[in-house]
Amino acid sequence: MFRLRARSPLPVAALLVMSLIPSPVFTRLRAGYGAAREITPSDPAADSGLGRCNHLITWTFGAVFLLVATSAFAQEQAKPQARSISPDGKWQFRAGAAGEQEDFVIAKAGSVEPSLVLSEEEYVDGLAEYLGRKPGYANIVWAPDSKRFAFNLQPGKGYQTAQFYQLDGNTWRKLDSLESNAATTAPLDPAMARQKKKLKLRADWPFLTSWQVRKWIDSSTALLYAHKVKTVEIGDETEAVSVSFFFTLKFEPAGNWKVTRTFEVPEKGVGGLNAEERKEINRIEKGDRELRGK
């Protein structure tokens, strides 16, 4: 019995095969009907046809097995790791293959070939090109039935958005964007204007506009969190003023969606928020505190 330590870059299977390759004592053969004996380099049987054949077979077997084991190990190491797996285990979200790390893809579990390249879909909208950079952040929020997902991304500095996809058969189809629906965009600016008027502010500079899908309440209902921050001058100091909203989005079987609830997050407390919104605002505030504490 022996132990193999995991310090070697070769897979354990390869190391096991190397241990099978003959040393000065090549192998053991039966001499006639008697007990087995060792054939060594000085043994006359080593030069016999049987000895050479046995030696050749052992070496060939070892070499082939080593090649197969090493190749399988290399392929496994090169396969991109899943960053998120659908609830039914059939789909995965991951970075692109070697040389395509700036892409994000949806692929069938265990498959190297992507079924959907999310970065390319984004460029079709012209959003990344307009903002002058490729996505720097991304995550997936799966619907419970794995038939839809929200793709949260940050295509540019100070801008975060979300895109929705629905599975039709074996094909993922992109749904209407958040920016195309005034119900999700219109409430933010008036709320920010009220804040500025209340504080008697003048100059301001955009700092962050963010839409993020926080969760799926069920397979056809998503909870969206919108947050807008501007940097303003208050006397001789510069501070940030922000507004936040929760939107509840309801999806039809065809993929069309509409806003069924809109609620502005109060400056203090959780008054008026429903149970799901309260859970998420507590998580958001906890994350902000942890971030400031670093």
C-alpha atoms as a PDB file:
ATOM      1  CA  MET A   1       0.000   0.000   0.000  1.00  0.00           C
ATOM      2  CA  PHE A   2       1.308   3.462  -0.827  1.00  0.00           C
ATOM      3  CA  ARG A   3       0.072   7.075  -0.706  1.00  0.00           C
ATOM      4  CA  LEU A   4       0.236   9.698  -3.444  1.00  0.00           C
ATOM      5  CA  ARG A   5       0.478  13.321  -2.421  1.00  0.00           C
ATOM      6  CA  ALA A   6      -1.475  15.935  -4.457  1.00  0.00           C
ATOM      7  CA  ARG A   7       1.581  18.098  -5.143  1.00  0.00           C
ATOM      8  CA  SER A   8       2.240  16.712  -8.605  1.00  0.00           C
ATOM      9  CA  PRO A   9       0.622  18.555 -11.568  1.00  0.00           C
ATOM     10  CA  LEU A  10      -0.178  15.150 -13.106  1.00  0.00           C
ATOM     11  CA  PRO A  11      -3.501  13.495 -12.232  1.00  0.00           C
ATOM     12  CA  VAL A  12      -3.403  10.662  -9.737  1.00  0.00           C
ATOM     13  CA  ALA A  13      -4.403   8.199 -12.477  1.00  0.00           C
ATOM     14  CA  ALA A  14      -1.281   9.115 -14.431  1.00  0.00           C
ATOM     15  CA  LEU A  15       0.908   8.593 -11.390  1.00  0.00           C
ATOM     16  CA  LEU A  16      -0.667   5.187 -10.846  1.00  0.00           C
ATOM     17  CA  VAL A  17       0.093   4.241 -14.434  1.00  0.00           C
ATOM     18  CA  MET A  18       3.713   5.355 -14.040  1.00  0.00           C
ATOM     19  CA  SER A  19       3.973   2.990 -11.090  1.00  0.00           C
ATOM     20  CA  LEU A  20       2.962   0.149 -13.422  1.00  0.00           C
ATOM     21  CA  ILE A  21       5.803   0.740 -15.893  1.00  0.00           C
ATOM     22  CA  PRO A  22       8.409  -1.996 -15.334  1.00  0.00           C
ATOM     23  CA  SER A  23      11.544  -1.359 -13.317  1.00  0.00           C
ATOM     24  CA  PRO A  24      14.690  -3.581 -13.500  1.00  0.00           C
ATOM     25  CA  VAL A  25      12.417  -6.417 -12.334  1.00  0.00           C
ATOM     26  CA  PHE A  26      10.129  -6.522 -15.369  1.00  0.00           C
ATOM     27  CA  THR A  27       7.338  -8.874 -14.364  1.00  0.00           C
ATOM     28  CA  ARG A  28       6.568 -12.275 -12.999  1.00  0.00           C
ATOM     29  CA  LEU A  29       5.863 -15.302 -15.196  1.00  0.00           C
ATOM     30  CA  ARG A  30       5.142 -18.882 -14.411  1.00  0.00           C
ATOM     31  CA  ALA A  31       7.943 -21.260 -15.298  1.00  0.00           C
ATOM     32  CA  GLY A  32       6.140 -24.263 -16.651  1.00  0.00           C
ATOM     33  CA  TYR A  33       3.643 -25.425 -14.031  1.00  0.00           C
ATOM     34  CA  GLY A  34       5.759 -24.349 -11.061  1.00  0.00           C
ATOM     35  CA  ALA A  35       5.717 -21.191  -8.957  1.00  0.00           C
ATOM     36  CA  ALA A  36       6.054 -17.748 -10.485  1.00  0.00           C
ATOM     37  CA  ARG A  37       9.551 -16.348 -10.715  1.00  0.00           C
ATOM     38  CA  GLU A  38      11.004 -12.920 -11.526  1.00  0.00           C
ATOM     39  CA  ILE A  39      12.529 -12.079 -14.897  1.00  0.00           C
ATOM     40  CA  THR A  40      15.401  -9.643 -14.534  1.00  0.00           C
ATOM     41  CA  PRO A  41      17.696  -8.072 -17.136  1.00  0.00           C
ATOM     42  CA  SER A  42      20.247 -10.819 -16.449  1.00  0.00           C
ATOM     43  CA  ASP A  43      17.703 -13.601 -16.795  1.00  0.00           C
ATOM     44  CA  PRO A  44      17.948 -15.555 -20.089  1.00  0.00           C
ATOM     45  CA  ALA A  45      14.170 -15.457 -20.325  1.00  0.00           C
ATOM     46  CA  ALA A  46      14.324 -11.661 -20.608  1.00  0.00           C
ATOM     47  CA  ASP A  47      15.875 -12.050 -24.047  1.00  0.00           C
ATOM     48  CA  SER A  48      13.337 -14.611 -25.127  1.00  0.00           C
ATOM     49  CA  GLY A  49      10.441 -13.778 -27.415  1.00  0.00           C
ATOM     50  CA  LEU A  50       8.015 -14.166 -24.540  1.00  0.00           C
ATOM     51  CA  GLY A  51       9.974 -11.787 -22.305  1.00  0.00           C
ATOM     52  CA  ARG A  52      10.303  -9.125 -25.004  1.00  0.00           C
ATOM     53  CA  CYS A  53       6.612  -9.439 -25.897  1.00  0.00           C
ATOM     54  CA  ASN A  54       5.544  -9.157 -22.282  1.00  0.00           C
ATOM     55  CA  HIS A  55       7.772  -6.115 -21.786  1.00  0.00           C
ATOM     56  CA  LEU A  56       6.439  -4.421 -24.951  1.00  0.00           C
ATOM     57  CA  ILE A  57       2.785  -5.025 -24.018  1.00  0.00           C
ATOM     58  CA  THR A  58       3.300  -3.613 -20.530  1.00  0.00           C
ATOM     59  CA  TRP A  59       5.022  -0.487 -21.836  1.00  0.00           C
ATOM     60  CA  THR A  60       2.404   0.061 -24.563  1.00  0.00           C
ATOM     61  CA  PHE A  61      -0.464  -0.328 -22.118  1.00  0.00           C
ATOM     62  CA  GLY A  62       1.153   2.103 -19.703  1.00  0.00           C
ATOM     63  CA  ALA A  63       1.871   4.709 -22.394  1.00  0.00           C
ATOM     64  CA  VAL A  64      -1.655   4.607 -23.837  1.00  0.00           C
ATOM     65  CA  PHE A  65      -3.287   4.767 -20.428  1.00  0.00           C
ATOM     66  CA  LEU A  66      -1.047   7.665 -19.422  1.00  0.00           C
ATOM     67  CA  LEU A  67      -1.926   9.567 -22.621  1.00  0.00           C
ATOM     68  CA  VAL A  68      -5.666   9.070 -22.121  1.00  0.00           C
ATOM     69  CA  ALA A  69      -5.569  10.013 -18.431  1.00  0.00           C
ATOM     70  CA  THR A  70      -3.475  13.137 -19.064  1.00  0.00           C
ATOM     71  CA  SER A  71      -5.703  14.235 -21.960  1.00  0.00           C
ATOM     72  CA  ALA A  72      -8.867  13.826 -19.886  1.00  0.00           C
ATOM     73  CA  PHE A  73      -7.279  15.764 -17.036  1.00  0.00           C
ATOM     74  CA  ALA A  74      -6.274  18.609 -19.384  1.00  0.00           C
ATOM     75  CA  GLN A  75      -9.774  18.806 -20.869  1.00  0.00           C
ATOM     76  CA  GLU A  76     -11.343  18.934 -17.420  1.00  0.00           C
ATOM     77  CA  GLN A  77      -8.968  21.700 -16.335  1.00  0.00           C
ATOM     78  CA  ALA A  78      -9.682  23.744 -19.508  1.00  0.00           C
ATOM     79  CA  LYS A  79     -13.492  23.513 -19.131  1.00  0.00           C
ATOM     80  CA  PRO A  80     -14.886  26.833 -17.771  1.00  0.00           C
ATOM     81  CA  GLN A  81     -16.441  26.496 -14.347  1.00  0.00           C
ATOM     82  CA  ALA A  82     -20.146  27.257 -13.866  1.00  0.00           C
ATOM     83  CA  ARG A  83     -20.893  30.422 -11.912  1.00  0.00           C
ATOM     84  CA  SER A  84     -24.582  29.585 -11.549  1.00  0.00           C
ATOM     85  CA  ILE A  85     -26.719  26.500 -12.247  1.00  0.00           C
ATOM     86  CA  SER A  86     -30.455  26.542 -12.979  1.00  0.00           C
ATOM     87  CA  PRO A  87     -32.795  25.052 -10.342  1.00  0.00           C
ATOM     88  CA  ASP A  88     -33.519  22.025 -12.560  1.00  0.00           C
ATOM     89  CA  GLY A  89     -29.770  21.441 -13.054  1.00  0.00           C
ATOM     90  CA  LYS A  90     -30.030  21.523 -16.866  1.00  0.00           C
ATOM     91  CA  TRP A  91     -28.432  24.923 -17.565  1.00  0.00           C
ATOM     92  CA  GLN A  92     -25.400  26.818 -16.350  1.00  0.00           C
ATOM     93  CA  PHE A  93     -24.158  30.389 -16.480  1.00  0.00           C
ATOM     94  CA  ARG A  94     -20.401  30.742 -16.930  1.00  0.00           C
ATOM     95  CA  ALA A  95     -17.630  32.733 -18.533  1.00  0.00           C
ATOM     96  CA  GLY A  96     -16.735  31.980 -22.136  1.00  0.00           C
ATOM     97  CA  ALA A  97     -14.190  29.364 -23.141  1.00  0.00           C
ATOM     98  CA  ALA A  98     -10.456  30.052 -23.337  1.00  0.00           C
ATOM     99  CA  GLY A  99      -9.874  33.245 -25.295  1.00  0.00           C
ATOM    100  CA  GLU A 100     -13.469  34.389 -24.702  1.00  0.00           C
ATOM    101  CA  GLN A 101     -13.369  35.239 -21.005  1.00  0.00           C
ATOM    102  CA  GLU A 102     -14.988  38.630 -21.629  1.00  0.00           C
ATOM    103  CA  ASP A 103     -18.159  36.854 -22.757  1.00  0.00           C
ATOM    104  CA  PHE A 104     -20.814  35.348 -20.518  1.00  0.00           C
ATOM    105  CA  VAL A 105     -22.708  32.336 -21.801  1.00  0.00           C
ATOM    106  CA  ILE A 106     -25.621  30.048 -21.007  1.00  0.00           C
ATOM    107  CA  ALA A 107     -24.845  26.414 -21.801  1.00  0.00           C
ATOM    108  CA  LYS A 108     -26.413  23.048 -21.160  1.00  0.00           C
ATOM    109  CA  ALA A 109     -24.947  21.409 -18.069  1.00  0.00           C
ATOM    110  CA  GLY A 110     -21.797  19.478 -18.966  1.00  0.00           C
ATOM    111  CA  SER A 111     -21.572  20.984 -22.469  1.00  0.00           C
ATOM    112  CA  VAL A 112     -18.679  23.108 -23.696  1.00  0.00           C
ATOM    113  CA  GLU A 113     -20.743  24.629 -26.526  1.00  0.00           C
ATOM    114  CA  PRO A 114     -22.764  27.719 -25.489  1.00  0.00           C
ATOM    115  CA  SER A 115     -26.479  27.934 -26.195  1.00  0.00           C
ATOM    116  CA  LEU A 116     -26.554  31.704 -25.692  1.00  0.00           C
ATOM    117  CA  VAL A 117     -23.752  34.293 -25.661  1.00  0.00           C
ATOM    118  CA  LEU A 118     -25.039  37.079 -23.445  1.00  0.00           C
ATOM    119  CA  SER A 119     -22.333  39.594 -24.333  1.00  0.00           C
ATOM    120  CA  GLU A 120     -23.161  39.381 -28.026  1.00  0.00           C
ATOM    121  CA  GLU A 121     -26.823  39.904 -27.239  1.00  0.00           C
ATOM    122  CA  GLU A 122     -25.885  43.011 -25.289  1.00  0.00           C
ATOM    123  CA  TYR A 123     -23.862  44.423 -28.189  1.00  0.00           C
ATOM    124  CA  VAL A 124     -26.893  44.043 -30.466  1.00  0.00           C
ATOM    125  CA  ASP A 125     -28.602  46.660 -28.297  1.00  0.00           C
ATOM    126  CA  GLY A 126     -25.613  48.961 -28.730  1.00  0.00           C
ATOM    127  CA  LEU A 127     -25.592  49.565 -24.971  1.00  0.00           C
ATOM    128  CA  ALA A 128     -21.996  48.558 -24.288  1.00  0.00           C
ATOM    129  CA  GLU A 129     -20.736  50.337 -27.387  1.00  0.00           C
ATOM    130  CA  TYR A 130     -22.558  53.496 -26.331  1.00  0.00           C
ATOM    131  CA  LEU A 131     -21.087  53.321 -22.841  1.00  0.00           C
ATOM    132  CA  GLY A 132     -17.630  52.564 -24.205  1.00  0.00           C
ATOM    133  CA  ARG A 133     -16.786  49.364 -22.357  1.00  0.00           C
ATOM    134  CA  LYS A 134     -17.615  45.698 -22.010  1.00  0.00           C
ATOM    135  CA  PRO A 135     -19.508  44.235 -19.052  1.00  0.00           C
ATOM    136  CA  GLY A 136     -17.533  44.397 -15.836  1.00  0.00           C
ATOM    137  CA  TYR A 137     -20.016  42.655 -13.573  1.00  0.00           C
ATOM    138  CA  ALA A 138     -22.685  40.035 -14.127  1.00  0.00           C
ATOM    139  CA  ASN A 139     -24.883  37.581 -12.273  1.00  0.00           C
ATOM    140  CA  ILE A 140     -27.912  35.456 -13.006  1.00  0.00           C
ATOM    141  CA  VAL A 141     -31.182  35.179 -11.070  1.00  0.00           C
ATOM    142  CA  TRP A 142     -33.097  32.069 -12.163  1.00  0.00           C
ATOM    143  CA  ALA A 143     -36.868  31.693 -12.059  1.00  0.00           C
ATOM    144  CA  PRO A 144     -37.890  28.686  -9.898  1.00  0.00           C
ATOM    145  CA  ASP A 145     -39.019  26.654 -12.937  1.00  0.00           C
ATOM    146  CA  SER A 146     -35.763  27.402 -14.878  1.00  0.00           C
ATOM    147  CA  LYS A 147     -37.814  28.756 -17.819  1.00  0.00           C
ATOM    148  CA  ARG A 148     -36.716  32.365 -17.329  1.00  0.00           C
ATOM    149  CA  PHE A 149     -33.764  34.209 -15.875  1.00  0.00           C
ATOM    150  CA  ALA A 150     -32.694  37.780 -15.201  1.00  0.00           C
ATOM    151  CA  PHE A 151     -29.193  38.804 -16.286  1.00  0.00           C
ATOM    152  CA  ASN A 152     -27.908  41.574 -13.992  1.00  0.00           C
ATOM    153  CA  LEU A 153     -24.969  43.381 -15.545  1.00  0.00           C
ATOM    154  CA  GLN A 154     -22.934  46.555 -15.328  1.00  0.00           C
ATOM    155  CA  PRO A 155     -22.008  47.519 -18.883  1.00  0.00           C
ATOM    156  CA  GLY A 156     -20.456  50.831 -17.876  1.00  0.00           C
ATOM    157  CA  LYS A 157     -19.225  52.825 -14.917  1.00  0.00           C
ATOM    158  CA  GLY A 158     -22.136  54.138 -12.909  1.00  0.00           C
ATOM    159  CA  TYR A 159     -24.741  52.167 -14.836  1.00  0.00           C
ATOM    160  CA  GLN A 160     -26.324  48.837 -13.970  1.00  0.00           C
ATOM    161  CA  THR A 161     -29.244  47.182 -15.690  1.00  0.00           C
ATOM    162  CA  ALA A 162     -31.002  43.842 -16.090  1.00  0.00           C
ATOM    163  CA  GLN A 163     -32.100  41.802 -19.093  1.00  0.00           C
ATOM    164  CA  PHE A 164     -34.693  39.040 -19.191  1.00  0.00           C
ATOM    165  CA  TYR A 165     -34.611  35.773 -21.143  1.00  0.00           C
ATOM    166  CA  GLN A 166     -37.224  33.069 -21.636  1.00  0.00           C
ATOM    167  CA  LEU A 167     -36.754  29.470 -22.756  1.00  0.00           C
ATOM    168  CA  ASP A 168     -38.793  28.534 -25.839  1.00  0.00           C
ATOM    169  CA  GLY A 169     -38.194  24.836 -26.487  1.00  0.00           C
ATOM    170  CA  ASN A 170     -34.385  24.650 -26.401  1.00  0.00           C
ATOM    171  CA  THR A 171     -33.818  28.292 -27.392  1.00  0.00           C
ATOM    172  CA  TRP A 172     -33.351  31.242 -25.078  1.00  0.00           C
ATOM    173  CA  ARG A 173     -35.169  34.380 -26.265  1.00  0.00           C
ATOM    174  CA  LYS A 174     -34.486  37.898 -25.031  1.00  0.00           C
ATOM    175  CA  LEU A 175     -37.519  39.788 -23.700  1.00  0.00           C
ATOM    176  CA  ASP A 176     -38.284  43.514 -23.650  1.00  0.00           C
ATOM    177  CA  SER A 177     -35.694  45.607 -21.834  1.00  0.00           C
ATOM    178  CA  LEU A 178     -36.333  47.634 -18.686  1.00  0.00           C
ATOM    179  CA  GLU A 179     -35.315  50.805 -20.493  1.00  0.00           C
ATOM    180  CA  SER A 180     -38.080  50.289 -23.072  1.00  0.00           C
ATOM    181  CA  ASN A 181     -40.826  50.539 -20.433  1.00  0.00           C
ATOM    182  CA  ALA A 182     -41.553  53.958 -18.945  1.00  0.00           C
ATOM    183  CA  ALA A 183     -43.156  52.323 -15.904  1.00  0.00           C
ATOM    184  CA  THR A 184     -39.691  51.388 -14.612  1.00  0.00           C
ATOM    185  CA  THR A 185     -37.797  54.521 -15.648  1.00  0.00           C
ATOM    186  CA  ALA A 186     -40.228  57.423 -15.217  1.00  0.00           C
ATOM    187  CA  PRO A 187     -40.624  57.382 -11.385  1.00  0.00           C
ATOM    188  CA  LEU A 188     -36.926  57.913 -10.649  1.00  0.00           C
ATOM    189  CA  ASP A 189     -36.375  61.420 -12.040  1.00  0.00           C
ATOM    190  CA  PRO A 190     -39.415  63.092 -10.381  1.00  0.00           C
ATOM    191  CA  ALA A 191     -38.428  61.519  -7.061  1.00  0.00           C
ATOM    192  CA  MET A 192     -34.903  62.856  -7.447  1.00  0.00           C
ATOM    193  CA  ALA A 193     -36.284  66.299  -8.352  1.00  0.00           C
ATOM    194  CA  ARG A 194     -38.362  66.326  -5.151  1.00  0.00           C
ATOM    195  CA  GLN A 195     -35.252  65.528  -3.120  1.00  0.00           C
ATOM    196  CA  LYS A 196     -33.329  68.386  -4.738  1.00  0.00           C
ATOM    197  CA  LYS A 197     -36.188  70.836  -4.160  1.00  0.00           C
ATOM    198  CA  LYS A 198     -36.554  69.734  -0.569  1.00  0.00           C
ATOM    199  CA  LEU A 199     -32.857  70.274   0.103  1.00  0.00           C
ATOM    200  CA  LYS A 200     -32.714  73.452  -2.035  1.00  0.00           C
ATOM    201  CA  LEU A 201     -29.989  72.008  -4.216  1.00  0.00           C
ATOM    202  CA  ARG A 202     -28.676  73.449  -7.442  1.00  0.00           C
ATOM    203  CA  ALA A 203     -25.791  71.710  -9.176  1.00  0.00           C
ATOM    204  CA  ASP A 204     -25.732  67.928  -9.437  1.00  0.00           C
ATOM    205  CA  TRP A 205     -23.760  65.258 -11.293  1.00  0.00           C
ATOM    206  CA  PRO A 206     -25.005  61.769 -12.182  1.00  0.00           C
ATOM    207  CA  PHE A 207     -23.213  59.142 -10.144  1.00  0.00           C
ATOM    208  CA  LEU A 208     -25.146  55.852 -10.345  1.00  0.00           C
ATOM    209  CA  THR A 209     -28.289  54.572 -12.001  1.00  0.00           C
ATOM    210  CA  SER A 210     -29.050  50.958 -11.190  1.00  0.00           C
ATOM    211  CA  TRP A 211     -31.749  48.398 -11.904  1.00  0.00           C
ATOM    212  CA  GLN A 212     -31.219  45.009 -10.299  1.00  0.00           C
ATOM    213  CA  VAL A 213     -33.490  41.973 -10.165  1.00  0.00           C
ATOM    214  CA  ARG A 214     -33.285  40.832  -6.564  1.00  0.00           C
ATOM    215  CA  LYS A 215     -35.357  37.646  -6.738  1.00  0.00           C
ATOM    216  CA  TRP A 216     -38.186  35.735  -8.387  1.00  0.00           C
ATOM    217  CA  ILE A 217     -41.198  35.608  -6.078  1.00  0.00           C
ATOM    218  CA  ASP A 218     -42.564  32.810  -8.267  1.00  0.00           C
ATOM    219  CA  SER A 219     -41.930  31.549 -11.816  1.00  0.00           C
ATOM    220  CA  SER A 220     -43.739  34.524 -13.379  1.00  0.00           C
ATOM    221  CA  THR A 221     -43.082  37.324 -10.857  1.00  0.00           C
ATOM    222  CA  ALA A 222     -39.801  39.182 -10.398  1.00  0.00           C
ATOM    223  CA  LEU A 223     -38.847  41.773  -7.796  1.00  0.00           C
ATOM    224  CA  LEU A 224     -36.821  44.653  -9.250  1.00  0.00           C
ATOM    225  CA  TYR A 225     -34.858  47.188  -7.182  1.00  0.00           C
ATOM    226  CA  ALA A 226     -34.062  50.560  -8.753  1.00  0.00           C
ATOM    227  CA  HIS A 227     -31.591  52.993  -7.242  1.00  0.00           C
ATOM    228  CA  LYS A 228     -30.424  56.389  -8.458  1.00  0.00           C
ATOM    229  CA  VAL A 229     -27.677  58.460  -6.874  1.00  0.00           C
ATOM    230  CA  LYS A 230     -26.453  61.955  -7.711  1.00  0.00           C
ATOM    231  CA  THR A 231     -23.596  63.938  -6.259  1.00  0.00           C
ATOM    232  CA  VAL A 232     -24.671  67.414  -5.163  1.00  0.00           C
ATOM    233  CA  GLU A 233     -23.177  70.523  -3.630  1.00  0.00           C
ATOM    234  CA  ILE A 234     -24.440  71.407  -0.155  1.00  0.00           C
ATOM    235  CA  GLY A 235     -22.694  74.593   0.912  1.00  0.00           C
ATOM    236  CA  ASP A 236     -18.993  73.978   0.534  1.00  0.00           C
ATOM    237  CA  GLU A 237     -19.362  70.214   0.693  1.00  0.00           C
ATOM    238  CA  THR A 238     -20.276  67.527  -1.804  1.00  0.00           C
ATOM    239  CA  GLU A 239     -22.714  64.815  -0.796  1.00  0.00           C
ATOM    240  CA  ALA A 240     -24.757  62.082  -2.426  1.00  0.00           C
ATOM    241  CA  VAL A 241     -28.542  62.206  -2.697  1.00  0.00           C
ATOM    242  CA  SER A 242     -30.408  59.059  -3.673  1.00  0.00           C
ATOM    243  CA  VAL A 243     -33.853  57.592  -4.333  1.00  0.00           C
ATOM    244  CA  SER A 244     -34.848  53.911  -4.420  1.00  0.00           C
ATOM    245  CA  PHE A 245     -37.867  52.005  -5.691  1.00  0.00           C
ATOM    246  CA  PHE A 246     -39.169  48.453  -5.730  1.00  0.00           C
ATOM    247  CA  PHE A 247     -41.038  47.276  -8.822  1.00  0.00           C
ATOM    248  CA  THR A 248     -42.980  44.030  -9.058  1.00  0.00           C
ATOM    249  CA  LEU A 249     -42.923  42.642 -12.613  1.00  0.00           C
ATOM    250  CA  LYS A 250     -45.468  40.094 -13.813  1.00  0.00           C
ATOM    251  CA  PHE A 251     -44.668  37.930 -16.874  1.00  0.00           C
ATOM    252  CA  GLU A 252     -47.196  36.432 -19.282  1.00  0.00           C
ATOM    253  CA  PRO A 253     -46.636  32.988 -20.877  1.00  0.00           C
ATOM    254  CA  ALA A 254     -45.588  34.680 -24.146  1.00  0.00           C
ATOM    255  CA  GLY A 255     -42.874  36.618 -22.300  1.00  0.00           C
ATOM    256  CA  ASN A 256     -44.489  40.067 -22.183  1.00  0.00           C
ATOM    257  CA  TRP A 257     -44.240  41.724 -18.794  1.00  0.00           C
ATOM    258  CA  LYS A 258     -45.833  44.623 -16.953  1.00  0.00           C
ATOM    259  CA  VAL A 259     -45.334  46.450 -13.662  1.00  0.00           C
ATOM    260  CA  THR A 260     -48.009  45.485 -11.131  1.00  0.00           C
ATOM    261  CA  ARG A 261     -46.619  47.362  -8.128  1.00  0.00           C
ATOM    262  CA  THR A 262     -44.378  50.395  -7.671  1.00  0.00           C
ATOM    263  CA  PHE A 263     -43.247  51.579  -4.252  1.00  0.00           C
ATOM    264  CA  GLU A 264     -40.674  54.169  -3.258  1.00  0.00           C
ATOM    265  CA  VAL A 265     -38.419  53.065  -0.421  1.00  0.00           C
ATOM    266  CA  PRO A 266     -38.792  55.501   2.497  1.00  0.00           C
ATOM    267  CA  GLU A 267     -35.748  57.435   3.662  1.00  0.00           C
ATOM    268  CA  LYS A 268     -36.089  55.862   7.099  1.00  0.00           C
ATOM    269  CA  GLY A 269     -37.797  52.690   8.243  1.00  0.00           C
ATOM    270  CA  VAL A 270     -39.707  50.139   6.191  1.00  0.00           C
ATOM    271  CA  GLY A 271     -43.213  51.597   6.372  1.00  0.00           C
ATOM    272  CA  GLY A 272     -45.387  50.544   3.425  1.00  0.00           C
ATOM    273  CA  LEU A 273     -43.019  47.837   2.168  1.00  0.00           C
ATOM    274  CA  ASN A 274     -44.478  44.358   1.777  1.00  0.00           C
ATOM    275  CA  ALA A 275     -42.828  41.250   3.252  1.00  0.00           C
ATOM    276  CA  GLU A 276     -40.648  40.449   0.209  1.00  0.00           C
ATOM    277  CA  GLU A 277     -39.503  44.071  -0.131  1.00  0.00           C
ATOM    278  CA  ARG A 278     -38.621  44.257   3.559  1.00  0.00           C
ATOM    279  CA  LYS A 279     -36.463  41.149   3.300  1.00  0.00           C
ATOM    280  CA  GLU A 280     -34.557  42.555   0.327  1.00  0.00           C
ATOM    281  CA  ILE A 281     -34.052  46.061   1.730  1.00  0.00           C
ATOM    282  CA  ASN A 282     -32.609  44.491   4.905  1.00  0.00           C
ATOM    283  CA  ARG A 283     -30.199  42.441   2.759  1.00  0.00           C
ATOM    284  CA  ILE A 284     -29.238  45.517   0.733  1.00  0.00           C
ATOM    285  CA  GLU A 285     -28.586  47.639   3.822  1.00  0.00           C
ATOM    286  CA  LYS A 286     -26.600  44.821   5.438  1.00  0.00           C
ATOM    287  CA  GLY A 287     -24.464  44.523   2.299  1.00  0.00           C
ATOM    288  CA  ASP A 288     -23.874  48.289   2.287  1.00  0.00           C
ATOM    289  CA  ARG A 289     -22.759  48.235   5.930  1.00  0.00           C
ATOM    290  CA  GLU A 290     -20.359  45.350   5.260  1.00  0.00           C
ATOM    291  CA  LEU A 291     -18.959  47.177   2.233  1.00  0.00           C
ATOM    292  CA  ARG A 292     -18.364  50.377   4.213  1.00  0.00           C
ATOM    293  CA  GLY A 293     -16.719  48.349   6.981  1.00  0.00           C
ATOM    294  CA  LYS A 294     -14.036  46.950   4.676  1.00  0.00           C
END
